[in-house]
Protein backbone atom coordinates (compact mmCIF):
# COMPACT_ATOMS: atom_id res chain seq x y z
CA UNK A 1 -8.73 -29.59 -8.75
CA UNK A 2 -9.71 -25.99 -9.48
CA UNK A 3 -12.81 -26.25 -7.30
CA UNK A 4 -10.80 -27.77 -4.45
CA UNK A 5 -8.08 -25.11 -4.65
CA UNK A 6 -10.70 -22.37 -4.65
CA UNK A 7 -12.25 -23.90 -1.54
CA UNK A 8 -8.81 -24.15 0.09
CA UNK A 9 -8.19 -20.47 -0.63
CA UNK A 10 -11.49 -19.57 1.00
CA UNK A 11 -10.61 -21.77 3.97
CA UNK A 12 -7.29 -19.91 4.27
CA UNK A 13 -9.29 -16.70 4.72
CA UNK A 14 -9.12 -15.02 1.32
CA UNK A 15 -12.11 -13.02 0.06
CA UNK A 16 -11.60 -13.41 -3.68
CA UNK A 17 -9.89 -16.18 -5.64
CA UNK A 18 -9.11 -16.17 -9.35
CA UNK A 19 -6.96 -18.13 -11.79
CA UNK A 20 -4.90 -16.49 -14.53
CA UNK A 21 -2.62 -18.00 -17.18
CA UNK A 22 1.13 -17.63 -16.70
CA UNK A 23 1.40 -15.50 -19.82
CA UNK A 24 3.13 -12.14 -20.33
CA UNK A 25 1.06 -9.35 -18.71
CA UNK A 26 -1.38 -7.51 -20.92
CA UNK A 27 0.11 -4.16 -19.88
CA UNK A 28 3.76 -5.18 -20.29
CA UNK A 29 4.52 -2.43 -22.79
CA UNK A 30 2.77 0.18 -20.63
CA UNK A 31 4.87 -0.93 -17.66
CA UNK A 32 8.10 -0.54 -19.62
CA UNK A 33 7.00 2.93 -20.75
CA UNK A 34 6.17 3.82 -17.13
CA UNK A 35 9.70 2.90 -16.09
CA UNK A 36 11.23 4.72 -19.05
CA UNK A 37 9.41 7.90 -17.99
CA UNK A 38 10.87 7.62 -14.50
CA UNK A 39 7.47 7.48 -12.84
CA UNK A 40 8.80 4.93 -10.34
CA UNK A 41 10.94 7.61 -8.68
CA UNK A 42 13.59 6.29 -6.32
CA UNK A 43 12.15 2.76 -6.33
CA UNK A 44 15.12 1.49 -8.31
CA UNK A 45 14.31 -2.14 -7.48
CA UNK A 46 11.37 -1.91 -9.87
CA UNK A 47 13.64 -1.13 -12.81
CA UNK A 48 16.32 -3.76 -12.16
CA UNK A 49 16.82 -5.85 -15.27
CA UNK A 50 16.20 -9.15 -13.49
CA UNK A 51 13.08 -7.82 -11.78
CA UNK A 52 11.67 -6.50 -15.06
CA UNK A 53 12.27 -9.86 -16.74
CA UNK A 54 10.37 -11.66 -13.98
CA UNK A 55 7.51 -9.17 -14.07
CA UNK A 56 7.12 -9.69 -17.80
CA UNK A 57 7.40 -13.48 -17.65
CA UNK A 58 6.07 -15.44 -14.63
CA UNK A 59 8.18 -18.38 -15.81
CA UNK A 60 11.26 -16.40 -14.82
CA UNK A 61 9.98 -16.22 -11.23
CA UNK A 62 8.97 -19.90 -11.12
CA UNK A 63 10.38 -22.08 -13.92
CA UNK A 64 7.60 -24.16 -15.38
CA UNK A 65 4.90 -21.83 -14.04
CA UNK A 66 1.55 -22.51 -15.72
CA UNK A 67 -0.96 -20.70 -13.50
CA UNK A 68 -1.23 -17.71 -11.18
CA UNK A 69 -3.69 -18.06 -8.32
CA UNK A 70 -4.64 -14.49 -7.41
CA UNK A 71 -6.29 -13.80 -4.05
CA UNK A 72 -7.51 -10.73 -2.19
CA UNK A 73 -8.12 -9.63 1.38
CA UNK A 74 -10.59 -6.89 2.30
CA UNK A 75 -9.40 -4.40 4.90
CA UNK A 76 -12.28 -1.93 5.06
CA UNK A 77 -12.75 -2.14 8.83
CA UNK A 78 -10.88 -0.09 11.38
CA UNK A 79 -8.75 -1.85 14.01
CA UNK A 80 -9.83 -1.22 17.59
CA UNK A 81 -8.27 1.88 19.08
CA UNK A 82 -7.62 3.58 15.77
CA UNK A 83 -9.53 6.81 15.18
CA UNK A 84 -7.66 8.72 12.47
CA UNK A 85 -9.24 11.62 10.65
CA UNK A 86 -10.75 11.06 7.23
CA UNK A 87 -8.26 11.42 4.39
CA UNK A 88 -10.60 13.63 2.38
CA UNK A 89 -12.11 15.63 5.23
CA UNK A 90 -9.41 16.03 7.90
CA UNK A 91 -10.57 16.85 11.38
CA UNK A 92 -10.72 20.45 12.47
CA UNK A 93 -7.97 19.46 14.88
CA UNK A 94 -5.19 19.07 12.32
CA UNK A 95 -2.85 17.65 14.96
CA UNK A 96 -4.50 14.27 14.34
CA UNK A 97 -2.32 12.08 12.10
CA UNK A 98 -3.99 10.63 9.02
CA UNK A 99 -2.88 7.08 8.29
CA UNK A 100 -3.84 4.97 5.27
CA UNK A 101 -6.48 2.41 6.20
CA UNK A 102 -4.42 -0.65 5.36
CA UNK A 103 -1.61 0.46 7.68
CA UNK A 104 -3.61 0.84 10.90
CA UNK A 105 -2.96 -2.73 12.04
CA UNK A 106 -0.53 -5.58 11.38
CA UNK A 107 1.78 -5.50 8.40
CA UNK A 108 -0.35 -7.03 5.66
CA UNK A 109 2.70 -8.78 4.20
CA UNK A 110 2.88 -11.00 7.28
CA UNK A 111 -0.82 -11.86 7.06
CA UNK A 112 -0.61 -12.69 3.37
CA UNK A 113 2.47 -14.84 3.81
CA UNK A 114 0.80 -16.88 6.55
CA UNK A 115 -2.34 -17.45 4.50
CA UNK A 116 -0.50 -18.10 1.22
CA UNK A 117 1.65 -20.66 3.01
CA UNK A 118 -1.53 -22.37 4.25
CA UNK A 119 -2.91 -22.40 0.70
CA UNK A 120 0.37 -23.75 -0.65
CA UNK A 121 0.31 -26.60 1.89
CA UNK A 122 -3.27 -27.43 0.91
CA UNK A 123 -2.26 -27.58 -2.76
CA UNK A 124 0.60 -29.94 -1.98
CA UNK A 125 -1.87 -32.20 -0.20
CA UNK A 126 -4.17 -32.10 -3.23
CA UNK A 127 -1.39 -32.50 -5.80
CA UNK A 128 1.77 -34.02 -4.30
CA UNK A 129 4.83 -32.76 -6.14
CA UNK A 130 3.17 -29.53 -7.27
CA UNK A 131 5.47 -26.52 -7.05
CA UNK A 132 4.34 -23.12 -5.78
CA UNK A 133 5.86 -19.73 -5.03
CA UNK A 134 4.12 -16.97 -3.12
CA UNK A 135 4.31 -13.25 -3.73
CA UNK A 136 2.83 -10.17 -2.14
CA UNK A 137 3.48 -6.70 -3.58
CA UNK A 138 7.21 -6.85 -2.87
CA UNK A 139 7.61 -9.56 -5.52
CA UNK A 140 8.23 -9.13 -9.25
CA UNK A 141 4.62 -9.63 -10.33
CA UNK A 142 2.35 -7.13 -12.09
CA UNK A 143 -0.40 -8.11 -9.69
CA UNK A 144 -3.24 -5.89 -10.87
CA UNK A 145 -2.72 -7.00 -14.45
CA UNK A 146 -2.93 -10.66 -13.46
CA UNK A 147 -5.83 -9.95 -11.09
CA UNK A 148 -7.83 -8.43 -13.93
CA UNK A 149 -7.14 -11.47 -16.09
CA UNK A 150 -8.23 -13.67 -13.17
CA UNK A 151 -11.58 -11.85 -13.06
CA UNK A 152 -11.04 -9.97 -9.80
CA UNK A 153 -11.80 -6.50 -11.16
CA UNK A 154 -10.74 -3.78 -13.56
CA UNK A 155 -7.92 -1.24 -13.33
CA UNK A 156 -9.47 2.14 -12.61
CA UNK A 157 -8.39 5.65 -13.47
CA UNK A 158 -6.56 5.85 -10.15
CA UNK A 159 -4.60 2.70 -11.23
CA UNK A 160 -6.19 0.72 -8.37
CA UNK A 161 -7.97 -2.56 -8.99
CA UNK A 162 -11.72 -2.03 -8.58
CA UNK A 163 -14.52 -4.54 -8.18
CA UNK A 164 -18.21 -3.59 -8.47
CA UNK A 165 -19.06 -5.42 -5.23
CA UNK A 166 -15.86 -4.94 -3.20
CA UNK A 167 -14.66 -1.48 -4.26
CA UNK A 168 -10.89 -1.14 -3.91
CA UNK A 169 -10.20 -1.54 -0.19
CA UNK A 170 -8.43 -4.87 -0.60
CA UNK A 171 -4.89 -6.15 -0.98
CA UNK A 172 -3.69 -8.69 -3.54
CA UNK A 173 -1.44 -11.70 -3.27
CA UNK A 174 -0.34 -14.36 -5.74
CA UNK A 175 0.62 -18.01 -5.69
CA UNK A 176 2.54 -19.12 -8.76
CA UNK A 177 2.26 -22.83 -9.54
CA UNK A 178 3.29 -25.32 -12.18
CA UNK A 179 -0.19 -26.85 -12.11
CA UNK A 180 -2.09 -26.34 -15.36
CA UNK A 181 -5.45 -24.94 -14.21
CA UNK A 182 -8.12 -23.54 -16.50
CA UNK A 183 -8.11 -19.72 -16.22
CA UNK A 184 -11.14 -17.78 -15.07
CA UNK A 185 -12.78 -15.33 -17.50
CA UNK A 186 -11.03 -11.95 -17.35
CA UNK A 187 -12.83 -8.86 -16.10
CA UNK A 188 -13.27 -6.94 -19.33
CA UNK A 189 -15.76 -4.21 -18.40
CA UNK A 190 -14.50 -0.71 -17.55
CA UNK A 191 -16.89 0.65 -14.93
CA UNK A 192 -15.18 4.03 -14.45
CA UNK A 193 -17.19 5.57 -17.27
CA UNK A 194 -16.62 9.32 -17.47
CA UNK A 195 -15.93 9.69 -13.74
CA UNK A 196 -12.65 11.44 -12.90
CA UNK A 197 -13.16 12.20 -9.22
CA UNK A 198 -9.87 10.53 -8.29
CA UNK A 199 -7.91 12.66 -10.76
CA UNK A 200 -9.54 15.88 -9.63
CA UNK A 201 -9.20 15.10 -5.90
CA UNK A 202 -5.48 14.25 -5.83
CA UNK A 203 -3.79 17.24 -4.11
CA UNK A 204 -0.43 16.63 -5.80
CA UNK A 205 -1.72 15.81 -9.31
CA UNK A 206 -0.08 12.40 -9.18
CA UNK A 207 -2.84 10.67 -11.20
CA UNK A 208 -2.30 11.28 -14.88
CA UNK A 209 -4.58 10.74 -17.85
CA UNK A 210 -4.38 7.29 -19.36
CA UNK A 211 -4.51 5.47 -15.98
CA UNK A 212 -0.99 6.41 -15.07
CA UNK A 213 0.42 7.27 -11.67
CA UNK A 214 3.50 9.43 -11.26
CA UNK A 215 4.78 7.91 -8.03
CA UNK A 216 7.14 10.86 -7.53
CA UNK A 217 4.09 13.01 -6.77
CA UNK A 218 2.02 10.43 -4.85
CA UNK A 219 1.60 11.08 -1.12
CA UNK A 220 1.89 7.35 -0.42
CA UNK A 221 5.26 7.27 -2.16
CA UNK A 222 6.44 10.49 -0.52
CA UNK A 223 5.58 9.34 3.00
CA UNK A 224 6.53 5.64 2.72
CA UNK A 225 8.86 4.74 -0.14
CA UNK A 226 10.91 7.92 -0.51
CA UNK A 227 14.07 7.68 1.55
CA UNK A 228 15.25 11.27 1.17
CA UNK A 229 13.78 14.73 1.49
CA UNK A 230 10.21 15.43 0.49
CA UNK A 231 10.27 18.21 -2.15
CA UNK A 232 9.36 21.48 -0.47
CA UNK A 233 6.80 22.34 -3.14
CA UNK A 234 4.82 19.19 -2.25
CA UNK A 235 4.97 19.43 1.54
CA UNK A 236 1.95 21.76 2.00
CA UNK A 237 -0.28 19.43 -0.07
CA UNK A 238 0.50 16.50 2.24
CA UNK A 239 -1.34 18.17 5.11
CA UNK A 240 -1.47 15.88 8.14
CA UNK A 241 -1.17 12.64 6.14
CA UNK A 242 1.81 11.08 7.84
CA UNK A 243 1.62 7.56 6.36
CA UNK A 244 0.08 6.87 2.99
CA UNK A 245 -3.03 8.33 1.41
CA UNK A 246 -6.54 7.09 0.62
CA UNK A 247 -7.90 10.15 -1.19
CA UNK A 248 -8.30 8.53 -4.61
CA UNK A 249 -10.12 5.63 -2.96
CA UNK A 250 -12.27 7.70 -0.61
CA UNK A 251 -13.73 9.75 -3.46
CA UNK A 252 -14.39 6.71 -5.65
CA UNK A 253 -18.13 6.00 -5.99
CA UNK A 254 -17.44 2.26 -6.01
CA UNK A 255 -16.24 2.54 -2.42
CA UNK A 256 -19.34 4.31 -1.13
CA UNK A 257 -20.82 0.95 -0.12
CA UNK A 258 -17.61 -1.06 0.16
CA UNK A 259 -18.16 -4.06 2.43
CA UNK A 260 -16.63 -4.33 5.87
CA UNK A 261 -15.02 -7.72 6.46
CA UNK A 262 -16.50 -9.77 9.28
CA UNK A 263 -13.03 -10.09 10.78
CA UNK A 264 -10.36 -7.40 10.41
CA UNK A 265 -7.51 -9.37 8.77
CA UNK A 266 -4.83 -6.91 9.80
CA UNK A 267 -5.93 -6.39 13.40
CA UNK A 268 -3.05 -5.70 15.76
CA UNK A 269 -1.74 -8.52 17.91
CA UNK A 270 -1.67 -8.06 21.70
CA UNK A 271 1.19 -5.79 22.65
CA UNK A 272 1.61 -4.17 19.24
CA UNK A 273 1.62 -0.36 19.44
CA UNK A 274 -1.34 1.74 18.38
CA UNK A 275 -0.28 5.00 16.66
CA UNK A 276 -0.71 8.04 18.85
CA UNK A 277 -3.80 10.07 18.01
CA UNK A 278 -1.89 13.34 18.37
CA UNK A 279 1.08 14.15 16.14
CA UNK A 280 2.88 16.03 18.92
CA UNK A 281 2.66 13.06 21.30
CA UNK A 282 3.68 10.62 18.57
CA UNK A 283 6.67 12.75 17.55
CA UNK A 284 7.76 13.02 21.21
CA UNK A 285 7.55 9.25 21.58
CA UNK A 286 9.58 8.54 18.43
CA UNK A 287 12.18 11.21 19.17
CA UNK A 288 13.15 9.30 22.31
CA UNK A 289 13.84 6.09 20.34
CA UNK A 290 16.93 5.16 18.39
CA UNK A 291 16.66 3.12 15.19
CA UNK A 292 16.97 -0.22 16.98
CA UNK A 293 14.38 0.67 19.62
CA UNK A 294 12.04 1.83 16.88
CA UNK A 295 12.35 -1.47 15.01
CA UNK A 296 11.67 -3.42 18.18
CA UNK A 297 8.62 -1.35 19.09
CA UNK A 298 7.04 -1.30 15.64
CA UNK A 299 7.98 -4.78 14.47
CA UNK A 300 5.11 -6.43 12.65
CA UNK A 301 3.50 -3.14 11.58
CA UNK A 302 3.74 -1.18 8.34
CA UNK A 303 5.57 1.70 10.02
CA UNK A 304 8.87 -0.14 9.76
CA UNK A 305 8.94 0.67 6.03
CA UNK A 306 9.95 4.37 6.33
CA UNK A 307 11.73 3.69 9.64
CA UNK A 308 12.16 6.05 12.55
CA UNK A 309 13.70 8.88 10.55
CA UNK A 310 11.18 8.67 7.72
CA UNK A 311 8.21 8.67 10.07
CA UNK A 312 9.60 11.61 12.05
CA UNK A 313 10.19 13.41 8.75
CA UNK A 314 6.51 12.92 7.92
CA UNK A 315 5.36 14.03 11.36
CA UNK A 316 7.47 17.16 11.12
CA UNK A 317 5.80 18.06 7.82
CA UNK A 318 2.38 17.32 9.31
CA UNK A 319 3.08 19.50 12.34
CA UNK A 320 4.26 22.33 10.13
CA UNK A 321 1.09 22.13 8.09
CA UNK A 322 -1.12 21.86 11.20
CA UNK A 323 0.01 25.21 12.57
CA UNK A 324 -0.28 26.35 16.17
CA UNK A 325 2.25 26.82 18.93
CA UNK A 326 1.84 23.40 20.59
CA UNK A 327 4.21 21.77 18.11
CA UNK A 328 7.12 24.17 18.63
CA UNK A 329 8.83 22.38 21.55
CA UNK A 330 8.96 18.99 19.86
CA UNK A 331 9.96 20.52 16.53
CA UNK A 332 12.78 22.38 18.25
CA UNK A 333 13.90 19.06 19.69
CA UNK A 334 13.69 17.40 16.27
CA UNK A 335 15.70 20.26 14.75
CA UNK A 336 18.61 18.93 16.85
CA UNK A 337 17.95 15.26 16.07
CA UNK A 338 20.94 13.06 15.10
CA UNK A 339 19.29 12.45 11.70
CA UNK A 340 19.94 15.16 9.07
CA UNK A 341 16.68 14.14 7.37
CA UNK A 342 14.68 14.79 10.54
CA UNK A 343 16.53 18.04 11.28
CA UNK A 344 15.84 19.42 7.80
CA UNK A 345 12.09 18.81 7.90
CA UNK A 346 11.75 19.98 11.50
CA UNK A 347 13.50 23.25 10.63
CA UNK A 348 11.20 23.65 7.63
CA UNK A 349 8.19 23.18 9.90
CA UNK A 350 9.49 25.74 12.39
CA UNK A 351 10.04 28.23 9.58
CA UNK A 352 6.46 27.63 8.37
CA UNK A 353 5.10 28.22 11.87
CA UNK A 354 7.05 31.44 12.17
CA UNK A 355 5.92 32.80 8.82
């Protein structure tokens, strides 16, 4: 059964497949301490009592759960038409928006759900009556903890899951099942050694000693998950990173030879918008859209997460950091935007340009 499920996962398009026991996570206490310290910021859903219970006990998410099937998808390639600047060495033309690699195509949640559903159907064919439940990172599962126990890698200093052959440019998904499947050997070796490049490279000091991440300082959190104002003290460090951040991955030696998947799993579908290569042009485009028009245009991409106002907030900060007079007209327009969030950050950017 295990061999057949592994083959079905490969057939569904997953790059790695591992099996972990449905036991409390190894880092359960560390997770509770992380929440107690407030490192989750405004992501209150992570600290909800019911969500915490399910993260600490897979049986709460799927009664009778015996096994977690953990899978990964590489995303190292660049979708056609996307030419963002490097996260660690931004282009001399700082008007170019820097976008996290995973977000340059389709929303990976959609891709995972499709492939996990295919794997679930295959399992039901193999074991009629078997129960399954799929999760991507929005679900109450400590996925990196379970992935390490399933043998898919170790948790690095940057808190990312790392694999000696695949690096860290991959996403994780889980299928909980009541099937009792022998677990794979856990990945027990720590390959980070004395390296601390990720800690030293983070411009906002979000990576703490002890493999902790203070999300409140992380550029990915600030540009995607945060719903309110970006703290002014952190805005200059964001530079022209308008959606997410790959710095801690780009400096990691294990990613120097990270493989490129034969087929980009998150490639855009026909008709889906490609982000503008110039922040001024992108801001002008978004300024003309209302919230509904934005959702329609960017449906099926990761940019729906911060929404129109959040993305314009990020672009305003990027334009302020980029400098130059070309951004003034669009920033002046954004300073009169219906959204107070957009107006605030546009005014900040104008003040920076005038200083």
